Amino acid sequence: MKQNRRILALALLLIIPGLGGSSLASPLASRQPNFPFLDRTLSTDHFVVHYTLTNCGSSGDDCLGSDAEAQATVDILEQAYQLLVHDPDYGFPPPLGTGTLENPKQLDVYILDLDAMCGVAMWAVPAPYDYFKLDAGCIRNEYQAGDLRAIQSTPVHELFHRVQYRYDKGPEEKWSFEGSATAVQDKFFGGAGSLDAMPNSSYVQRVNRYLRNPNRTSYEDYGGAVAGLRSASYYACLFWTYYMETCGTVAGEPALGIDALRLYWEQTLEYDNVQAMDHAVQAAPGCPDLKSMEDLFHEFVVANYVKNMGNVGERHRYADEEGPAGTRYDDVYLEADEAVAPAQPLQRQGEEVADWGANYYVARPDVSSCRWIQVDVNGAESDRLLTTIVAVDAGNNAHLFDSPDYRQRGPAMSRAFRNEAWDRVAVIVAGAAAGARYDLQVSCVEPPGILHRLTKPRTITAFRLL
């Protein structure tokens, strides 16, 4: 449990344009901003937007292009507030800085040049130092009359940070703060206005960036060192979408599963990060068979491979991808995609998976000569690997993956099964709370004596190839 929590006086969350992102910055001294060149305001019940059309500064980037851009921004903020606070499907407390239900107040929002950022969300104790900032250039570039999908992303993201602050000001990690705030961008305006129907939205781009390498997704060093979900910052948004769709009970777009997200942030009053997710999963009414973040993550990594295949239930699909307005997320990155035949296995040694990371391998067995398929994954005795086998037929239908016989949690997995004219066999190896190294081999072998027998861990070369 949380004890003696240090409440920060002021913190920033920075939102970088495009595929950049936001990060928790160092605490700064609280102060009320002074931007006298912002000579125009627009107000609603809960927000005052400060901006200018003429005082553009030396860079020329401090001003908006029209009053309509400011009006769209303040309208989006007020609409989002009304959903978050007053719609029973959402049920969140008023964002920090907007007062209480009984005594509402207006939160200042400043639109100006933020250089390389699209937004800065801030908290401060005590008032009147509550405000946040949006970048004028990002607003100008994203505004389209009659289509507010793109322009909604940053204001909604920043506003949800201030909802998070009502529950917890730290030390939740970036995958928690930024990942969930990015997922929420897609939870406000449904139908044709849904961000998941817009391939160029920052939400969909961040989903696809995660899928392009779920074992090396790091906001600080993307594509470099092995890094899993807890290093992914914004790019963890797909995990939060999966959690909401799997464990929430609110039906229909755009609020699908949003009650599960509220439940998570309620847990942060007592627990942090993975522990908070453990308790949220246990309490969530939509996934009673799951008991931990490990349970949820194992389902998540499987869903990311089979999501667009046949013979797959709701748990392993994304609702965002369904229907004519949906945008199919990218396929997950494959560490290997190779043909296998007798004496020609798919083999890897010394592979590394991050904590809460996942590697995907595909073997394509020769139909005529590969009668049985053997999968071996061997880690160290103390390792805990989350391993799953998926067999895919020629019609792109997934098999085996939802059977406990083809899943294993522990240091090793060894399984032989008949080749029923499989087009391909995928092996998913994920890390849990700790990363691990392992060897992997997918081979054509002689039929074993007992069908579907899970054997003890063994050396990969201990079986006879055909």
Protein backbone atom coordinates (compact mmCIF):
# COMPACT_ATOMS: atom_id res chain seq x y z
CA MET A 1 0.00 0.00 0.00
CA LYS A 2 0.99 3.57 -0.43
CA GLN A 3 2.34 5.17 2.71
CA ASN A 4 3.80 8.59 3.32
CA ARG A 5 3.30 9.53 -0.31
CA ARG A 6 5.09 12.71 -1.29
CA ILE A 7 2.70 14.96 -3.19
CA LEU A 8 4.51 17.04 -5.76
CA ALA A 9 3.83 20.76 -5.81
CA LEU A 10 3.94 21.02 -9.57
CA ALA A 11 4.57 18.63 -12.42
CA LEU A 12 4.44 18.75 -16.18
CA LEU A 13 3.32 16.27 -18.76
CA LEU A 14 4.67 17.22 -22.15
CA ILE A 15 3.03 16.16 -25.39
CA ILE A 16 5.32 15.98 -28.39
CA PRO A 17 3.82 16.41 -31.87
CA GLY A 18 3.38 13.49 -34.24
CA LEU A 19 4.85 10.28 -32.86
CA GLY A 20 6.61 12.06 -30.05
CA GLY A 21 5.00 12.10 -26.68
CA SER A 22 4.76 13.40 -23.19
CA SER A 23 6.86 12.63 -20.19
CA LEU A 24 6.87 13.41 -16.53
CA ALA A 25 9.24 16.30 -16.03
CA SER A 26 11.09 17.42 -12.93
CA PRO A 27 9.10 19.34 -10.31
CA LEU A 28 9.17 23.10 -10.76
CA ALA A 29 8.20 25.96 -8.52
CA SER A 30 4.51 26.80 -8.63
CA ARG A 31 3.60 30.09 -10.25
CA GLN A 32 0.75 31.63 -12.17
CA PRO A 33 1.73 32.18 -15.82
CA ASN A 34 1.81 35.68 -17.25
CA PHE A 35 1.16 35.87 -20.99
CA PRO A 36 -0.08 39.44 -21.65
CA PHE A 37 0.24 39.01 -25.41
CA LEU A 38 -2.65 36.50 -25.33
CA ASP A 39 -5.27 39.20 -25.81
CA ARG A 40 -8.36 37.11 -26.54
CA THR A 41 -10.44 34.73 -24.44
CA LEU A 42 -13.32 32.32 -24.94
CA SER A 43 -15.14 30.81 -22.00
CA THR A 44 -17.45 27.96 -21.04
CA ASP A 45 -18.69 26.92 -17.62
CA HIS A 46 -15.43 25.12 -16.83
CA PHE A 47 -12.72 26.57 -19.11
CA VAL A 48 -11.21 29.88 -20.19
CA VAL A 49 -9.08 29.65 -23.33
CA HIS A 50 -6.48 32.43 -23.75
CA TYR A 51 -5.10 33.01 -27.27
CA THR A 52 -4.12 35.62 -29.84
CA LEU A 53 -4.56 36.10 -33.58
CA THR A 54 -2.08 38.96 -34.01
CA ASN A 55 0.74 38.82 -31.44
CA CYS A 56 2.57 36.00 -33.15
CA GLY A 57 6.00 36.61 -31.62
CA SER A 58 9.42 36.40 -33.24
CA SER A 59 8.85 32.82 -34.33
CA GLY A 60 5.43 33.61 -35.76
CA ASP A 61 4.03 30.60 -33.91
CA ASP A 62 2.31 32.14 -30.88
CA CYS A 63 -0.95 32.89 -32.68
CA LEU A 64 -3.90 30.94 -33.96
CA GLY A 65 -5.22 31.38 -37.46
CA SER A 66 -8.82 32.10 -36.51
CA ASP A 67 -11.30 32.44 -33.67
CA ALA A 68 -12.88 29.25 -34.96
CA GLU A 69 -9.80 27.27 -33.90
CA ALA A 70 -10.08 28.58 -30.35
CA GLN A 71 -13.82 27.98 -30.33
CA ALA A 72 -13.36 24.39 -31.44
CA THR A 73 -10.78 23.85 -28.68
CA VAL A 74 -12.95 25.19 -25.87
CA ASP A 75 -16.01 23.35 -27.20
CA ILE A 76 -14.11 20.04 -27.24
CA LEU A 77 -12.90 20.59 -23.68
CA GLU A 78 -16.39 21.37 -22.40
CA GLN A 79 -17.95 18.41 -24.22
CA ALA A 80 -15.26 16.11 -22.83
CA TYR A 81 -15.83 17.47 -19.33
CA GLN A 82 -19.56 16.82 -19.55
CA LEU A 83 -18.96 13.21 -20.63
CA LEU A 84 -16.24 12.51 -18.08
CA VAL A 85 -18.10 13.93 -15.12
CA HIS A 86 -21.83 13.77 -15.85
CA ASP A 87 -22.26 10.74 -18.10
CA PRO A 88 -22.81 7.74 -15.77
CA ASP A 89 -20.87 5.47 -18.12
CA TYR A 90 -17.74 7.51 -17.38
CA GLY A 91 -18.33 8.64 -13.79
CA PHE A 92 -14.98 10.35 -13.21
CA PRO A 93 -14.46 13.17 -10.70
CA PRO A 94 -14.11 16.74 -12.00
CA PRO A 95 -10.64 17.33 -13.49
CA LEU A 96 -8.24 19.01 -11.09
CA GLY A 97 -8.64 22.77 -11.39
CA THR A 98 -12.32 22.73 -12.36
CA GLY A 99 -13.59 22.82 -8.80
CA THR A 100 -16.23 20.42 -7.51
CA LEU A 101 -19.69 19.43 -8.67
CA GLU A 102 -21.15 21.77 -6.06
CA ASN A 103 -18.69 24.61 -6.67
CA PRO A 104 -17.33 24.49 -10.23
CA LYS A 105 -14.56 26.83 -11.37
CA GLN A 106 -13.00 27.70 -14.69
CA LEU A 107 -9.65 26.18 -15.63
CA ASP A 108 -7.29 28.42 -17.62
CA VAL A 109 -5.97 27.04 -20.91
CA TYR A 110 -3.22 28.99 -22.70
CA ILE A 111 -2.63 28.53 -26.44
CA LEU A 112 0.84 29.67 -27.53
CA ASP A 113 4.10 28.42 -29.02
CA LEU A 114 5.40 25.39 -27.10
CA ASP A 115 8.21 24.70 -29.55
CA ALA A 116 8.50 20.89 -29.85
CA MET A 117 5.44 20.04 -27.75
CA CYS A 118 1.72 19.98 -28.48
CA GLY A 119 0.61 20.29 -24.87
CA VAL A 120 1.70 20.66 -21.27
CA ALA A 121 -0.60 19.45 -18.49
CA MET A 122 0.17 20.79 -15.04
CA TRP A 123 -0.99 20.41 -11.47
CA ALA A 124 -0.37 22.77 -8.63
CA VAL A 125 -1.23 23.03 -4.97
CA PRO A 126 -2.78 25.29 -3.91
CA ALA A 127 -4.96 27.13 -6.44
CA PRO A 128 -4.92 29.50 -8.36
CA TYR A 129 -1.98 27.80 -10.08
CA ASP A 130 -4.06 25.30 -12.01
CA TYR A 131 -3.82 25.59 -15.78
CA PHE A 132 -2.50 23.83 -18.85
CA LYS A 133 -1.02 24.90 -22.17
CA LEU A 134 -1.63 23.89 -25.78
CA ASP A 135 0.58 24.61 -28.77
CA ALA A 136 -0.84 27.12 -31.25
CA GLY A 137 0.93 25.50 -34.20
CA CYS A 138 -0.52 22.08 -33.42
CA ILE A 139 -4.01 23.56 -33.15
CA ARG A 140 -3.59 25.42 -36.47
CA ASN A 141 -2.25 22.37 -38.27
CA GLU A 142 -4.87 19.96 -36.94
CA TYR A 143 -7.96 22.15 -37.26
CA GLN A 144 -10.34 21.26 -40.07
CA ALA A 145 -13.75 22.90 -40.20
CA GLY A 146 -16.43 20.25 -39.96
CA ASP A 147 -14.03 17.48 -38.84
CA LEU A 148 -12.72 17.88 -35.31
CA ARG A 149 -11.24 14.41 -34.92
CA ALA A 150 -7.59 15.44 -35.19
CA ILE A 151 -7.84 18.61 -33.13
CA GLN A 152 -9.54 16.78 -30.25
CA SER A 153 -6.55 14.56 -29.42
CA THR A 154 -4.31 16.89 -27.42
CA PRO A 155 -7.00 18.83 -25.48
CA VAL A 156 -8.68 15.57 -24.44
CA HIS A 157 -5.33 13.98 -23.54
CA GLU A 158 -4.33 16.92 -21.34
CA LEU A 159 -7.74 17.11 -19.72
CA PHE A 160 -7.60 13.44 -18.76
CA HIS A 161 -4.23 14.00 -17.10
CA ARG A 162 -6.02 16.37 -14.78
CA VAL A 163 -8.58 13.65 -14.04
CA GLN A 164 -5.69 11.33 -13.18
CA TYR A 165 -4.37 13.96 -10.76
CA ARG A 166 -7.61 13.74 -8.80
CA TYR A 167 -6.64 10.18 -7.93
CA ASP A 168 -2.88 10.17 -7.85
CA LYS A 169 -0.04 12.59 -8.54
CA GLY A 170 2.68 9.92 -8.57
CA PRO A 171 4.61 7.74 -8.76
CA GLU A 172 2.61 6.09 -11.53
CA GLU A 173 4.83 5.31 -14.50
CA LYS A 174 4.55 6.67 -18.04
CA TRP A 175 2.87 3.54 -19.40
CA SER A 176 0.13 4.23 -16.88
CA PHE A 177 -0.19 8.03 -17.12
CA GLU A 178 0.55 8.48 -20.82
CA GLY A 179 -0.69 5.17 -22.16
CA SER A 180 -4.12 5.50 -20.60
CA ALA A 181 -4.44 9.20 -21.53
CA THR A 182 -3.66 8.29 -25.16
CA ALA A 183 -6.22 5.47 -25.15
CA VAL A 184 -8.82 7.88 -23.75
CA GLN A 185 -8.42 10.09 -26.83
CA ASP A 186 -10.52 7.47 -28.63
CA LYS A 187 -13.22 7.30 -25.95
CA PHE A 188 -15.12 10.54 -26.45
CA PHE A 189 -16.53 10.93 -29.94
CA GLY A 190 -17.82 7.83 -31.69
CA GLY A 191 -19.09 6.97 -35.15
CA ALA A 192 -17.54 8.94 -37.98
CA GLY A 193 -15.76 11.09 -35.39
CA SER A 194 -13.94 8.19 -33.79
CA LEU A 195 -10.16 8.41 -33.82
CA ASP A 196 -9.82 4.68 -34.51
CA ALA A 197 -11.47 5.39 -37.88
CA MET A 198 -8.73 7.90 -38.69
CA PRO A 199 -5.48 6.12 -39.68
CA ASN A 200 -3.40 9.29 -39.31
CA SER A 201 -4.59 10.11 -35.79
CA SER A 202 -1.92 10.09 -33.09
CA TYR A 203 -3.85 7.31 -31.35
CA VAL A 204 -3.74 4.89 -34.29
CA GLN A 205 -0.13 5.81 -35.09
CA ARG A 206 0.89 5.02 -31.52
CA VAL A 207 -1.01 1.73 -31.58
CA ASN A 208 0.83 0.71 -34.73
CA ARG A 209 4.19 1.84 -33.40
CA TYR A 210 3.73 -0.54 -30.48
CA LEU A 211 2.74 -3.39 -32.79
CA ARG A 212 5.79 -2.81 -34.98
CA ASN A 213 8.02 -4.03 -32.16
CA PRO A 214 6.38 -4.99 -28.86
CA ASN A 215 9.69 -6.15 -27.40
CA ARG A 216 11.64 -2.95 -28.13
CA THR A 217 9.05 -0.22 -27.67
CA SER A 218 10.62 2.56 -25.64
CA TYR A 219 9.69 6.22 -25.75
CA GLU A 220 13.29 7.20 -25.00
CA ASP A 221 15.05 4.70 -27.29
CA TYR A 222 12.61 3.24 -29.78
CA GLY A 223 14.19 0.43 -31.77
CA GLY A 224 17.21 0.18 -29.49
CA ALA A 225 17.55 -1.87 -26.33
CA VAL A 226 15.00 -4.49 -25.38
CA ALA A 227 12.15 -2.74 -23.58
CA GLY A 228 8.62 -3.86 -22.77
CA LEU A 229 5.28 -2.31 -21.95
CA ARG A 230 6.44 -0.39 -18.88
CA SER A 231 8.91 1.55 -21.05
CA ALA A 232 6.41 2.27 -23.81
CA SER A 233 4.84 5.48 -22.46
CA TYR A 234 2.22 6.57 -25.05
CA TYR A 235 2.72 3.43 -27.10
CA ALA A 236 1.21 1.38 -24.26
CA CYS A 237 -2.18 2.79 -25.33
CA LEU A 238 -3.18 -0.44 -27.08
CA PHE A 239 -2.81 -2.36 -23.81
CA TRP A 240 -5.20 0.10 -22.15
CA THR A 241 -7.67 -0.24 -25.00
CA TYR A 242 -7.47 -4.02 -24.64
CA TYR A 243 -7.95 -3.80 -20.88
CA MET A 244 -11.03 -1.62 -21.28
CA GLU A 245 -12.58 -3.78 -24.01
CA THR A 246 -11.87 -6.98 -22.05
CA CYS A 247 -12.61 -6.02 -18.44
CA GLY A 248 -15.12 -3.18 -18.75
CA THR A 249 -18.89 -3.54 -18.87
CA VAL A 250 -19.95 -0.32 -20.60
CA ALA A 251 -21.17 -1.33 -24.05
CA GLY A 252 -21.06 0.55 -27.32
CA GLU A 253 -18.84 3.22 -28.78
CA PRO A 254 -17.27 5.48 -27.87
CA ALA A 255 -17.31 4.64 -24.13
CA LEU A 256 -16.73 0.90 -24.56
CA GLY A 257 -15.22 -0.42 -21.32
CA ILE A 258 -14.45 3.01 -19.86
CA ASP A 259 -15.63 1.84 -16.41
CA ALA A 260 -12.59 -0.44 -16.24
CA LEU A 261 -10.29 2.55 -16.66
CA ARG A 262 -12.04 4.38 -13.83
CA LEU A 263 -11.61 1.26 -11.71
CA TYR A 264 -7.86 1.23 -12.37
CA TRP A 265 -7.41 4.85 -11.28
CA GLU A 266 -9.42 4.14 -8.15
CA GLN A 267 -6.87 1.45 -7.30
CA THR A 268 -4.02 3.97 -7.55
CA LEU A 269 -5.25 5.54 -4.32
CA GLU A 270 -3.72 2.50 -2.59
CA TYR A 271 -1.42 0.80 -5.10
CA ASP A 272 0.99 1.68 -7.91
CA ASN A 273 1.41 0.50 -11.49
CA VAL A 274 1.40 -3.32 -11.81
CA GLN A 275 -0.08 -3.79 -8.34
CA ALA A 276 -2.85 -1.34 -9.18
CA MET A 277 -3.58 -3.26 -12.37
CA ASP A 278 -3.58 -6.57 -10.47
CA HIS A 279 -6.27 -5.23 -8.15
CA ALA A 280 -8.23 -3.61 -10.99
CA VAL A 281 -8.34 -6.88 -12.97
CA GLN A 282 -9.46 -8.79 -9.88
CA ALA A 283 -12.26 -6.28 -9.24
CA ALA A 284 -13.39 -5.75 -12.85
CA PRO A 285 -16.75 -7.40 -13.54
CA GLY A 286 -16.05 -7.90 -17.24
CA CYS A 287 -13.18 -10.41 -16.85
CA PRO A 288 -13.92 -12.55 -13.77
CA ASP A 289 -11.67 -15.38 -14.95
CA LEU A 290 -8.60 -13.11 -14.97
CA LYS A 291 -6.85 -12.47 -11.66
CA SER A 292 -3.77 -10.40 -12.42
CA MET A 293 -1.97 -8.18 -14.91
CA GLU A 294 -0.04 -11.30 -15.95
CA ASP A 295 -3.31 -13.03 -16.88
CA LEU A 296 -4.43 -9.97 -18.84
CA PHE A 297 -1.07 -9.48 -20.56
CA HIS A 298 -0.96 -13.11 -21.70
CA GLU A 299 -4.35 -12.67 -23.40
CA PHE A 300 -3.24 -9.31 -24.82
CA VAL A 301 -0.13 -10.63 -26.57
CA VAL A 302 -2.16 -13.46 -28.11
CA ALA A 303 -4.83 -11.03 -29.31
CA ASN A 304 -2.22 -8.92 -31.06
CA TYR A 305 -1.37 -11.87 -33.32
CA VAL A 306 -4.79 -13.43 -33.96
CA LYS A 307 -6.95 -10.26 -33.93
CA ASN A 308 -7.74 -10.28 -37.66
CA MET A 309 -8.09 -14.06 -38.06
CA GLY A 310 -11.12 -16.31 -38.21
CA ASN A 311 -12.17 -18.67 -35.42
CA VAL A 312 -11.40 -15.95 -32.86
CA GLY A 313 -13.78 -14.74 -30.14
CA GLU A 314 -14.35 -11.25 -28.78
CA ARG A 315 -11.58 -11.54 -26.20
CA HIS A 316 -8.99 -11.77 -28.96
CA ARG A 317 -10.35 -9.05 -31.23
CA TYR A 318 -10.45 -5.27 -30.99
CA ALA A 319 -13.87 -3.68 -31.27
CA ASP A 320 -12.26 -0.65 -32.93
CA GLU A 321 -11.45 -2.80 -35.94
CA GLU A 322 -15.02 -3.96 -36.52
CA GLY A 323 -17.49 -2.35 -38.91
CA PRO A 324 -17.13 -0.11 -41.95
CA ALA A 325 -15.77 2.83 -39.92
CA GLY A 326 -13.05 0.75 -38.28
CA THR A 327 -9.37 0.95 -39.07
CA ARG A 328 -7.55 -2.36 -38.86
CA TYR A 329 -4.47 -2.04 -36.73
CA ASP A 330 -1.20 -3.24 -38.22
CA ASP A 331 -0.06 -6.84 -37.92
CA VAL A 332 2.34 -7.46 -35.06
CA TYR A 333 6.06 -7.64 -35.86
CA LEU A 334 7.53 -11.12 -36.41
CA GLU A 335 11.01 -11.98 -35.15
CA ALA A 336 11.07 -14.85 -37.66
CA ASP A 337 8.95 -16.12 -40.55
CA GLU A 338 10.60 -19.23 -42.01
CA ALA A 339 9.81 -22.49 -43.76
CA VAL A 340 10.49 -25.67 -41.78
CA ALA A 341 11.03 -29.18 -43.11
CA PRO A 342 12.75 -32.36 -41.92
CA ALA A 343 16.29 -31.45 -40.82
CA GLN A 344 15.44 -27.76 -41.39
CA PRO A 345 14.06 -26.36 -38.12
CA LEU A 346 13.40 -22.77 -37.16
CA GLN A 347 15.97 -22.27 -34.45
CA ARG A 348 17.02 -19.35 -32.25
CA GLN A 349 19.43 -19.33 -29.32
CA GLY A 350 19.94 -16.72 -26.64
CA GLU A 351 16.76 -14.80 -27.48
CA GLU A 352 15.80 -12.03 -25.07
CA VAL A 353 12.34 -10.91 -24.03
CA ALA A 354 11.77 -7.85 -21.86
CA ASP A 355 9.58 -7.70 -18.79
CA TRP A 356 6.10 -7.25 -20.23
CA GLY A 357 7.52 -7.65 -23.73
CA ALA A 358 6.65 -10.21 -26.41
CA ASN A 359 8.38 -11.96 -29.31
CA TYR A 360 6.54 -13.64 -32.20
CA TYR A 361 7.94 -16.42 -34.41
CA VAL A 362 6.25 -18.06 -37.41
CA ALA A 363 7.19 -21.43 -38.87
CA ARG A 364 5.69 -22.62 -42.16
CA PRO A 365 5.77 -26.45 -42.18
CA ASP A 366 6.18 -28.38 -45.39
CA VAL A 367 2.81 -30.03 -46.04
CA SER A 368 4.06 -33.25 -47.62
CA SER A 369 7.04 -34.13 -45.41
CA CYS A 370 6.40 -32.48 -42.05
CA ARG A 371 3.88 -34.84 -40.45
CA TRP A 372 4.35 -33.73 -36.84
CA ILE A 373 5.54 -30.45 -35.40
CA GLN A 374 7.60 -30.05 -32.25
CA VAL A 375 7.87 -26.73 -30.38
CA ASP A 376 10.51 -26.29 -27.68
CA VAL A 377 11.14 -23.15 -25.65
CA ASN A 378 13.75 -23.38 -22.90
CA GLY A 379 14.68 -20.64 -20.44
CA ALA A 380 16.54 -20.71 -17.16
CA GLU A 381 15.01 -22.61 -14.26
CA SER A 382 14.02 -19.40 -12.49
CA ASP A 383 12.45 -17.73 -15.55
CA ARG A 384 8.74 -17.21 -16.06
CA LEU A 385 7.88 -17.16 -19.75
CA LEU A 386 4.33 -16.81 -21.08
CA THR A 387 4.33 -19.10 -24.12
CA THR A 388 1.51 -19.76 -26.60
CA ILE A 389 1.24 -21.85 -29.79
CA VAL A 390 -1.10 -20.74 -32.58
CA ALA A 391 -1.76 -22.96 -35.60
CA VAL A 392 -3.25 -21.18 -38.61
CA ASP A 393 -4.98 -22.97 -41.48
CA ALA A 394 -5.04 -21.97 -45.15
CA GLY A 395 -8.23 -19.97 -44.59
CA ASN A 396 -6.48 -17.76 -42.00
CA ASN A 397 -8.36 -19.34 -39.09
CA ALA A 398 -6.53 -19.59 -35.77
CA HIS A 399 -6.47 -22.83 -33.75
CA LEU A 400 -5.01 -24.22 -30.50
CA PHE A 401 -4.23 -20.80 -28.97
CA ASP A 402 -7.26 -20.78 -26.64
CA SER A 403 -6.57 -24.27 -25.26
CA PRO A 404 -4.60 -24.58 -22.00
CA ASP A 405 -2.75 -27.48 -23.62
CA TYR A 406 -1.00 -24.99 -25.91
CA ARG A 407 -0.17 -22.38 -23.31
CA GLN A 408 2.52 -22.52 -20.68
CA ARG A 409 3.81 -20.24 -17.94
CA GLY A 410 7.20 -21.10 -16.56
CA PRO A 411 10.78 -21.68 -17.68
CA ALA A 412 10.04 -24.03 -20.59
CA MET A 413 7.49 -25.50 -22.96
CA SER A 414 7.73 -28.63 -25.09
CA ARG A 415 4.88 -29.84 -27.25
CA ALA A 416 4.38 -32.10 -30.27
CA PHE A 417 1.24 -32.07 -32.41
CA ARG A 418 0.03 -33.34 -35.76
CA ASN A 419 0.46 -31.16 -38.83
CA GLU A 420 -3.13 -30.83 -40.01
CA ALA A 421 -2.10 -29.01 -43.19
CA TRP A 422 -1.30 -25.89 -41.17
CA ASP A 423 -0.32 -22.92 -43.27
CA ARG A 424 1.82 -21.66 -40.41
CA VAL A 425 2.51 -22.19 -36.73
CA ALA A 426 3.22 -19.19 -34.52
CA VAL A 427 5.04 -19.33 -31.21
CA ILE A 428 4.54 -16.35 -28.90
CA VAL A 429 7.03 -15.90 -26.07
CA ALA A 430 6.27 -13.11 -23.62
CA GLY A 431 7.92 -11.91 -20.44
CA ALA A 432 6.05 -11.33 -17.21
CA ALA A 433 7.35 -9.26 -14.30
CA ALA A 434 10.95 -10.02 -15.26
CA GLY A 435 12.65 -10.40 -18.63
CA ALA A 436 14.41 -13.60 -19.67
CA ARG A 437 16.65 -15.30 -22.21
CA TYR A 438 15.66 -18.52 -23.91
CA ASP A 439 16.30 -20.91 -26.79
CA LEU A 440 13.57 -21.75 -29.28
CA GLN A 441 13.14 -24.44 -31.90
CA VAL A 442 10.24 -25.46 -34.16
CA SER A 443 10.93 -28.75 -35.94
CA CYS A 444 9.46 -31.54 -38.00
CA VAL A 445 9.68 -34.71 -35.87
CA GLU A 446 8.56 -38.32 -35.73
CA PRO A 447 5.14 -38.85 -34.13
CA PRO A 448 5.52 -39.05 -30.34
CA GLY A 449 4.21 -41.99 -28.37
CA ILE A 450 1.51 -39.95 -26.64
CA LEU A 451 -0.45 -37.23 -28.38
CA HIS A 452 -0.43 -33.78 -26.78
CA ARG A 453 1.85 -34.75 -23.91
CA LEU A 454 3.55 -31.84 -22.17
CA THR A 455 7.05 -33.07 -21.41
CA LYS A 456 9.60 -31.88 -18.91
CA PRO A 457 12.09 -29.20 -20.02
CA ARG A 458 14.80 -30.71 -22.15
CA THR A 459 17.70 -29.73 -24.35
CA ILE A 460 16.52 -28.66 -27.78
CA THR A 461 18.74 -31.21 -29.56
CA ALA A 462 17.34 -34.12 -27.51
CA PHE A 463 14.81 -35.23 -30.14
CA ARG A 464 15.32 -36.92 -33.47
CA LEU A 465 14.58 -34.98 -36.62
CA LEU A 466 12.94 -36.72 -39.55
